Structures are given as C-alpha cells and as structure tokens.
Amino acid sequence: MDKIYLLTQLQSLRQKLHEIAEVRGSLTDPAVLAVSEEADQLILALQYLQRNEFELPSTNRDKHR
C-alpha cells in the first residue's frame, strides 16, 4: 500500500474518532472502539512499511558484498 494513502486514511480516522467520542461522550463506546481498531490497523501497516523502508537498503548492501 502507498504510505501517503495510509497517512491520509489515518488522519481521516483520527478526525472521525474525535467526532464520535465527542458525540457519544465516552472513549469506551463501541463505535469509538471500532474506529480506534481501524486506526490501529493502519498504524500497524504504516509501521510495517517504515520498517521495510529501513531494512531494504541494508539488505541490498549485503547482497553486493
């Protein structure tokens, strides 16, 4: 997946999370938790991409030795 797309989606979910939490008045409301879980999945995907970005250059360097 594209990093920019994931970051945009995460920003959208953050806004949605804030709005739902404000309306529902609780951070433990099921609707808030559902959006939070979506955000968690995006964060994990971004961390995976970032980890791979840092590992690839060293992996390529090792192949040339």
Protein backbone atom coordinates (compact mmCIF):
# COMPACT_ATOMS: atom_id res chain seq x y z
CA MET A 1 0.00 0.00 0.00
CA ASP A 2 1.01 3.58 -0.54
CA LYS A 3 2.35 5.37 2.53
CA ILE A 4 0.68 8.69 1.64
CA TYR A 5 -2.67 6.95 1.20
CA LEU A 6 -2.34 5.26 4.60
CA LEU A 7 -1.38 8.52 6.29
CA THR A 8 -4.37 10.27 4.72
CA GLN A 9 -6.70 7.48 5.84
CA LEU A 10 -5.25 7.62 9.35
CA GLN A 11 -5.79 11.37 9.56
CA SER A 12 -9.40 10.87 8.46
CA LEU A 13 -9.94 8.19 11.10
CA ARG A 14 -8.42 10.43 13.78
CA GLN A 15 -10.94 13.13 12.94
CA LYS A 16 -13.79 10.61 12.87
CA LEU A 17 -12.65 9.15 16.19
CA HIS A 18 -12.60 12.58 17.80
CA GLU A 19 -16.07 13.43 16.49
CA ILE A 20 -17.64 10.13 17.58
CA ALA A 21 -16.05 10.29 21.02
CA GLU A 22 -17.33 13.82 21.48
CA VAL A 23 -20.87 12.93 20.41
CA ARG A 24 -21.01 9.68 22.38
CA GLY A 25 -19.28 11.18 25.41
CA SER A 26 -17.21 8.09 26.04
CA LEU A 27 -13.95 6.66 24.81
CA THR A 28 -15.24 3.16 25.55
CA ASP A 29 -18.34 3.41 23.37
CA PRO A 30 -18.44 0.52 20.84
CA ALA A 31 -18.47 2.94 17.89
CA VAL A 32 -15.37 4.71 19.23
CA LEU A 33 -13.61 1.41 19.81
CA ALA A 34 -14.42 0.21 16.30
CA VAL A 35 -12.86 3.30 14.72
CA SER A 36 -9.92 3.02 17.09
CA GLU A 37 -9.32 -0.56 15.94
CA GLU A 38 -9.38 0.60 12.31
CA ALA A 39 -6.79 3.23 13.16
CA ASP A 40 -4.67 0.61 14.92
CA GLN A 41 -4.63 -1.49 11.75
CA LEU A 42 -3.49 1.47 9.69
CA ILE A 43 -0.78 2.27 12.23
CA LEU A 44 0.48 -1.31 12.03
CA ALA A 45 0.52 -1.16 8.24
CA LEU A 46 2.49 2.10 8.36
CA GLN A 47 4.97 0.63 10.85
CA TYR A 48 5.43 -2.38 8.59
CA LEU A 49 6.12 -0.13 5.60
CA GLN A 50 8.51 2.03 7.57
CA ARG A 51 10.41 -0.98 8.93
CA ASN A 52 10.78 -2.36 5.41
CA GLU A 53 11.99 1.01 4.08
CA PHE A 54 14.84 0.98 6.59
CA GLU A 55 15.71 -2.70 6.15
CA LEU A 56 15.81 -2.82 2.34
CA PRO A 57 18.91 -0.66 1.81
CA SER A 58 20.99 -2.76 4.22
CA THR A 59 19.67 -5.97 2.67
CA ASN A 60 20.70 -4.78 -0.79
CA ARG A 61 24.09 -3.73 0.53
CA ASP A 62 24.67 -7.21 1.99
CA LYS A 63 23.93 -8.84 -1.38
CA HIS A 64 26.76 -6.88 -3.02
CA ARG A 65 29.43 -7.99 -0.55
